[in-house]
């Protein structure tokens, strides 16, 4: 069985456990038609518009 030859230093251990690898919050952009926050490059779920063109018919 493999056994470490040297003790892992606190700095090396803490670098590994740091928050560097954690995911960022998802990017959000304003809809050009209604101003609702949506994911970029996707149809707005509120109004159904994408790049100023109505893609999905939504009832008002």
PDB file of N, CA and C in Angstrom:
ATOM      1  N   UNK A   1       0.837  -1.179   0.000  1.00  0.00           N
ATOM      2  CA  UNK A   1       0.000   0.000   0.000  1.00  0.00           C
ATOM      3  C   UNK A   1       0.886   1.247   0.000  1.00  0.00           C
ATOM      4  N   UNK A   2       0.476   2.278  -0.780  1.00  0.00           N
ATOM      5  CA  UNK A   2       1.262   3.504  -0.872  1.00  0.00           C
ATOM      6  C   UNK A   2       1.101   4.337   0.390  1.00  0.00           C
ATOM      7  N   UNK A   3       2.226   4.857   0.869  1.00  0.00           N
ATOM      8  CA  UNK A   3       2.236   5.689   2.065  1.00  0.00           C
ATOM      9  C   UNK A   3       2.984   6.973   1.723  1.00  0.00           C
ATOM     10  N   UNK A   4       2.464   8.150   2.128  1.00  0.00           N
ATOM     11  CA  UNK A   4       3.164   9.404   1.822  1.00  0.00           C
ATOM     12  C   UNK A   4       4.546   9.443   2.460  1.00  0.00           C
ATOM     13  N   UNK A   5       5.531   9.943   1.685  1.00  0.00           N
ATOM     14  CA  UNK A   5       6.898  10.023   2.197  1.00  0.00           C
ATOM     15  C   UNK A   5       7.069  11.232   3.106  1.00  0.00           C
ATOM     16  N   UNK A   6       6.344  12.309   2.811  1.00  0.00           N
ATOM     17  CA  UNK A   6       6.447  13.543   3.592  1.00  0.00           C
ATOM     18  C   UNK A   6       5.057  14.012   4.009  1.00  0.00           C
ATOM     19  N   UNK A   7       5.023  14.766   5.117  1.00  0.00           N
ATOM     20  CA  UNK A   7       3.769  15.344   5.583  1.00  0.00           C
ATOM     21  C   UNK A   7       3.325  16.432   4.602  1.00  0.00           C
ATOM     22  N   UNK A   8       2.046  16.467   4.280  1.00  0.00           N
ATOM     23  CA  UNK A   8       1.504  17.517   3.425  1.00  0.00           C
ATOM     24  C   UNK A   8       1.443  18.809   4.234  1.00  0.00           C
ATOM     25  N   UNK A   9       2.066  19.869   3.698  1.00  0.00           N
ATOM     26  CA  UNK A   9       2.118  21.138   4.439  1.00  0.00           C
ATOM     27  C   UNK A   9       0.732  21.768   4.510  1.00  0.00           C
ATOM     28  N   UNK A  10       0.561  22.667   5.480  1.00  0.00           N
ATOM     29  CA  UNK A  10      -0.736  23.344   5.648  1.00  0.00           C
ATOM     30  C   UNK A  10      -1.066  24.175   4.406  1.00  0.00           C
ATOM     31  N   UNK A  11      -0.051  24.810   3.820  1.00  0.00           N
ATOM     32  CA  UNK A  11      -0.280  25.646   2.643  1.00  0.00           C
ATOM     33  C   UNK A  11      -0.779  24.807   1.470  1.00  0.00           C
ATOM     34  N   UNK A  12      -0.135  23.670   1.226  1.00  0.00           N
ATOM     35  CA  UNK A  12      -0.542  22.802   0.125  1.00  0.00           C
ATOM     36  C   UNK A  12      -1.935  22.224   0.382  1.00  0.00           C
ATOM     37  N   UNK A  13      -2.191  21.822   1.617  1.00  0.00           N
ATOM     38  CA  UNK A  13      -3.500  21.277   1.983  1.00  0.00           C
ATOM     39  C   UNK A  13      -4.606  22.327   1.799  1.00  0.00           C
ATOM     40  N   UNK A  14      -4.343  23.554   2.277  1.00  0.00           N
ATOM     41  CA  UNK A  14      -5.347  24.608   2.217  1.00  0.00           C
ATOM     42  C   UNK A  14      -5.572  25.098   0.790  1.00  0.00           C
ATOM     43  N   UNK A  15      -4.527  25.069  -0.053  1.00  0.00           N
ATOM     44  CA  UNK A  15      -4.698  25.442  -1.456  1.00  0.00           C
ATOM     45  C   UNK A  15      -5.665  24.480  -2.136  1.00  0.00           C
ATOM     46  N   UNK A  16      -5.530  23.227  -1.808  1.00  0.00           N
ATOM     47  CA  UNK A  16      -6.391  22.204  -2.398  1.00  0.00           C
ATOM     48  C   UNK A  16      -7.841  22.366  -1.926  1.00  0.00           C
ATOM     49  N   UNK A  17      -8.009  22.778  -0.684  1.00  0.00           N
ATOM     50  CA  UNK A  17      -9.351  22.902  -0.108  1.00  0.00           C
ATOM     51  C   UNK A  17      -9.979  24.273  -0.360  1.00  0.00           C
ATOM     52  N   UNK A  18      -9.271  25.158  -1.049  1.00  0.00           N
ATOM     53  CA  UNK A  18      -9.763  26.527  -1.237  1.00  0.00           C
ATOM     54  C   UNK A  18     -10.998  26.553  -2.131  1.00  0.00           C
ATOM     55  N   UNK A  19     -11.594  27.699  -2.224  1.00  0.00           N
ATOM     56  CA  UNK A  19     -12.828  27.862  -2.986  1.00  0.00           C
ATOM     57  C   UNK A  19     -12.561  28.170  -4.456  1.00  0.00           C
ATOM     58  N   UNK A  20     -11.347  27.978  -4.931  1.00  0.00           N
ATOM     59  CA  UNK A  20     -10.995  28.302  -6.317  1.00  0.00           C
ATOM     60  C   UNK A  20     -11.801  27.466  -7.302  1.00  0.00           C
ATOM     61  N   UNK A  21     -12.045  26.225  -6.979  1.00  0.00           N
ATOM     62  CA  UNK A  21     -12.682  25.296  -7.917  1.00  0.00           C
ATOM     63  C   UNK A  21     -14.197  25.373  -7.928  1.00  0.00           C
ATOM     64  N   UNK A  22     -14.783  26.134  -6.986  1.00  0.00           N
ATOM     65  CA  UNK A  22     -16.244  26.172  -6.893  1.00  0.00           C
ATOM     66  C   UNK A  22     -16.849  26.899  -8.078  1.00  0.00           C
ATOM     67  N   UNK A  23     -18.059  26.533  -8.444  1.00  0.00           N
ATOM     68  CA  UNK A  23     -18.735  27.118  -9.601  1.00  0.00           C
ATOM     69  C   UNK A  23     -19.173  28.552  -9.330  1.00  0.00           C
ATOM     70  N   UNK A  24     -19.188  29.344 -10.405  1.00  0.00           N
ATOM     71  CA  UNK A  24     -19.665  30.717 -10.319  1.00  0.00           C
ATOM     72  C   UNK A  24     -21.171  30.747 -10.504  1.00  0.00           C
ATOM     73  N   UNK A  25     -21.780  31.849 -10.145  1.00  0.00           N
ATOM     74  CA  UNK A  25     -23.209  32.020 -10.374  1.00  0.00           C
ATOM     75  C   UNK A  25     -23.458  32.074 -11.878  1.00  0.00           C
ATOM     76  N   UNK A  26     -24.616  31.584 -12.329  1.00  0.00           N
ATOM     77  CA  UNK A  26     -24.879  31.591 -13.766  1.00  0.00           C
ATOM     78  C   UNK A  26     -24.990  33.012 -14.313  1.00  0.00           C
ATOM     79  N   UNK A  27     -24.530  33.197 -15.549  1.00  0.00           N
ATOM     80  CA  UNK A  27     -24.595  34.508 -16.190  1.00  0.00           C
ATOM     81  C   UNK A  27     -26.042  34.809 -16.565  1.00  0.00           C
ATOM     82  N   UNK A  28     -26.456  36.034 -16.331  1.00  0.00           N
ATOM     83  CA  UNK A  28     -27.807  36.455 -16.678  1.00  0.00           C
ATOM     84  C   UNK A  28     -27.729  37.715 -17.521  1.00  0.00           C
ATOM     85  N   UNK A  29     -28.649  37.821 -18.487  1.00  0.00           N
ATOM     86  CA  UNK A  29     -28.720  39.024 -19.299  1.00  0.00           C
ATOM     87  C   UNK A  29     -30.163  39.491 -19.367  1.00  0.00           C
ATOM     88  N   UNK A  30     -30.346  40.799 -19.612  1.00  0.00           N
ATOM     89  CA  UNK A  30     -31.693  41.352 -19.680  1.00  0.00           C
ATOM     90  C   UNK A  30     -32.303  41.055 -21.036  1.00  0.00           C
ATOM     91  N   UNK A  31     -33.576  40.711 -21.031  1.00  0.00           N
ATOM     92  CA  UNK A  31     -34.322  40.512 -22.272  1.00  0.00           C
ATOM     93  C   UNK A  31     -34.485  41.870 -22.945  1.00  0.00           C
ATOM     94  N   UNK A  32     -34.232  41.920 -24.255  1.00  0.00           N
ATOM     95  CA  UNK A  32     -34.316  43.189 -24.973  1.00  0.00           C
ATOM     96  C   UNK A  32     -35.761  43.661 -25.139  1.00  0.00           C
ATOM     97  N   UNK A  33     -36.717  42.744 -24.974  1.00  0.00           N
ATOM     98  CA  UNK A  33     -38.125  43.098 -25.177  1.00  0.00           C
ATOM     99  C   UNK A  33     -38.816  43.483 -23.868  1.00  0.00           C
ATOM    100  N   UNK A  34     -38.698  42.632 -22.833  1.00  0.00           N
ATOM    101  CA  UNK A  34     -39.447  42.879 -21.593  1.00  0.00           C
ATOM    102  C   UNK A  34     -38.567  43.276 -20.407  1.00  0.00           C
ATOM    103  N   UNK A  35     -37.244  43.089 -20.513  1.00  0.00           N
ATOM    104  CA  UNK A  35     -36.340  43.478 -19.433  1.00  0.00           C
ATOM    105  C   UNK A  35     -36.154  42.429 -18.352  1.00  0.00           C
ATOM    106  N   UNK A  36     -36.758  41.268 -18.511  1.00  0.00           N
ATOM    107  CA  UNK A  36     -36.632  40.165 -17.546  1.00  0.00           C
ATOM    108  C   UNK A  36     -35.219  39.572 -17.626  1.00  0.00           C
ATOM    109  N   UNK A  37     -34.652  39.136 -16.496  1.00  0.00           N
ATOM    110  CA  UNK A  37     -33.348  38.482 -16.493  1.00  0.00           C
ATOM    111  C   UNK A  37     -33.495  37.053 -16.994  1.00  0.00           C
ATOM    112  N   UNK A  38     -32.709  36.692 -18.013  1.00  0.00           N
ATOM    113  CA  UNK A  38     -32.755  35.349 -18.595  1.00  0.00           C
ATOM    114  C   UNK A  38     -31.336  34.863 -18.869  1.00  0.00           C
ATOM    115  N   UNK A  39     -31.203  33.575 -19.154  1.00  0.00           N
ATOM    116  CA  UNK A  39     -29.916  33.032 -19.565  1.00  0.00           C
ATOM    117  C   UNK A  39     -29.590  33.543 -20.961  1.00  0.00           C
ATOM    118  N   UNK A  40     -28.322  33.883 -21.235  1.00  0.00           N
ATOM    119  CA  UNK A  40     -27.983  34.370 -22.564  1.00  0.00           C
ATOM    120  C   UNK A  40     -28.135  33.274 -23.620  1.00  0.00           C
ATOM    121  N   UNK A  41     -28.457  33.665 -24.847  1.00  0.00           N
ATOM    122  CA  UNK A  41     -28.611  32.774 -26.000  1.00  0.00           C
ATOM    123  C   UNK A  41     -29.783  31.821 -25.840  1.00  0.00           C
ATOM    124  N   UNK A  42     -30.800  32.234 -25.085  1.00  0.00           N
ATOM    125  CA  UNK A  42     -31.999  31.413 -24.921  1.00  0.00           C
ATOM    126  C   UNK A  42     -33.228  32.290 -25.043  1.00  0.00           C
ATOM    127  N   UNK A  43     -34.344  31.672 -25.447  1.00  0.00           N
ATOM    128  CA  UNK A  43     -35.606  32.394 -25.571  1.00  0.00           C
ATOM    129  C   UNK A  43     -36.068  32.817 -24.182  1.00  0.00           C
ATOM    130  N   UNK A  44     -36.579  34.047 -24.081  1.00  0.00           N
ATOM    131  CA  UNK A  44     -37.078  34.558 -22.806  1.00  0.00           C
ATOM    132  C   UNK A  44     -38.321  33.767 -22.410  1.00  0.00           C
ATOM    133  N   UNK A  45     -38.313  33.227 -21.206  1.00  0.00           N
ATOM    134  CA  UNK A  45     -39.457  32.431 -20.744  1.00  0.00           C
ATOM    135  C   UNK A  45     -40.637  33.308 -20.365  1.00  0.00           C
ATOM    136  N   UNK A  46     -40.395  34.609 -20.172  1.00  0.00           N
ATOM    137  CA  UNK A  46     -41.457  35.525 -19.775  1.00  0.00           C
ATOM    138  C   UNK A  46     -42.292  35.986 -20.974  1.00  0.00           C
ATOM    139  N   UNK A  47     -41.607  36.425 -22.049  1.00  0.00           N
ATOM    140  CA  UNK A  47     -42.342  36.994 -23.186  1.00  0.00           C
ATOM    141  C   UNK A  47     -42.238  36.168 -24.462  1.00  0.00           C
ATOM    142  N   UNK A  48     -41.269  35.238 -24.557  1.00  0.00           N
ATOM    143  CA  UNK A  48     -41.137  34.394 -25.741  1.00  0.00           C
ATOM    144  C   UNK A  48     -40.318  35.012 -26.858  1.00  0.00           C
ATOM    145  N   UNK A  49     -39.608  36.104 -26.581  1.00  0.00           N
ATOM    146  CA  UNK A  49     -38.802  36.773 -27.612  1.00  0.00           C
ATOM    147  C   UNK A  49     -37.343  36.344 -27.516  1.00  0.00           C
ATOM    148  N   UNK A  50     -36.651  36.341 -28.681  1.00  0.00           N
ATOM    149  CA  UNK A  50     -35.211  36.086 -28.739  1.00  0.00           C
ATOM    150  C   UNK A  50     -34.628  37.025 -29.784  1.00  0.00           C
ATOM    151  N   UNK A  51     -33.698  37.875 -29.376  1.00  0.00           N
ATOM    152  CA  UNK A  51     -33.067  38.876 -30.242  1.00  0.00           C
ATOM    153  C   UNK A  51     -34.093  39.754 -30.941  1.00  0.00           C
ATOM    154  N   UNK A  52     -35.133  40.144 -30.215  1.00  0.00           N
ATOM    155  CA  UNK A  52     -36.136  41.053 -30.744  1.00  0.00           C
ATOM    156  C   UNK A  52     -37.164  40.413 -31.665  1.00  0.00           C
ATOM    157  N   UNK A  53     -37.124  39.080 -31.818  1.00  0.00           N
ATOM    158  CA  UNK A  53     -38.075  38.364 -32.680  1.00  0.00           C
ATOM    159  C   UNK A  53     -38.909  37.450 -31.806  1.00  0.00           C
ATOM    160  N   UNK A  54     -40.231  37.448 -32.045  1.00  0.00           N
ATOM    161  CA  UNK A  54     -41.110  36.576 -31.269  1.00  0.00           C
ATOM    162  C   UNK A  54     -40.943  35.138 -31.760  1.00  0.00           C
ATOM    163  N   UNK A  55     -40.496  34.254 -30.882  1.00  0.00           N
ATOM    164  CA  UNK A  55     -40.251  32.864 -31.238  1.00  0.00           C
ATOM    165  C   UNK A  55     -41.376  31.988 -30.717  1.00  0.00           C
ATOM    166  N   UNK A  56     -41.838  32.266 -29.512  1.00  0.00           N
ATOM    167  CA  UNK A  56     -42.916  31.499 -28.883  1.00  0.00           C
ATOM    168  C   UNK A  56     -44.071  32.460 -28.609  1.00  0.00           C
ATOM    169  N   UNK A  57     -45.249  32.074 -29.013  1.00  0.00           N
ATOM    170  CA  UNK A  57     -46.437  32.923 -28.766  1.00  0.00           C
ATOM    171  C   UNK A  57     -46.842  32.778 -27.314  1.00  0.00           C
ATOM    172  N   UNK A  58     -46.863  33.917 -26.611  1.00  0.00           N
ATOM    173  CA  UNK A  58     -47.295  33.950 -25.217  1.00  0.00           C
ATOM    174  C   UNK A  58     -48.538  34.803 -25.108  1.00  0.00           C
ATOM    175  N   UNK A  59     -49.503  34.351 -24.305  1.00  0.00           N
ATOM    176  CA  UNK A  59     -50.699  35.147 -24.090  1.00  0.00           C
ATOM    177  C   UNK A  59     -50.436  36.198 -23.025  1.00  0.00           C
ATOM    178  N   UNK A  60     -50.881  37.403 -23.279  1.00  0.00           N
ATOM    179  CA  UNK A  60     -50.624  38.509 -22.346  1.00  0.00           C
ATOM    180  C   UNK A  60     -51.593  38.519 -21.191  1.00  0.00           C
TER     181      UNK A  60
END
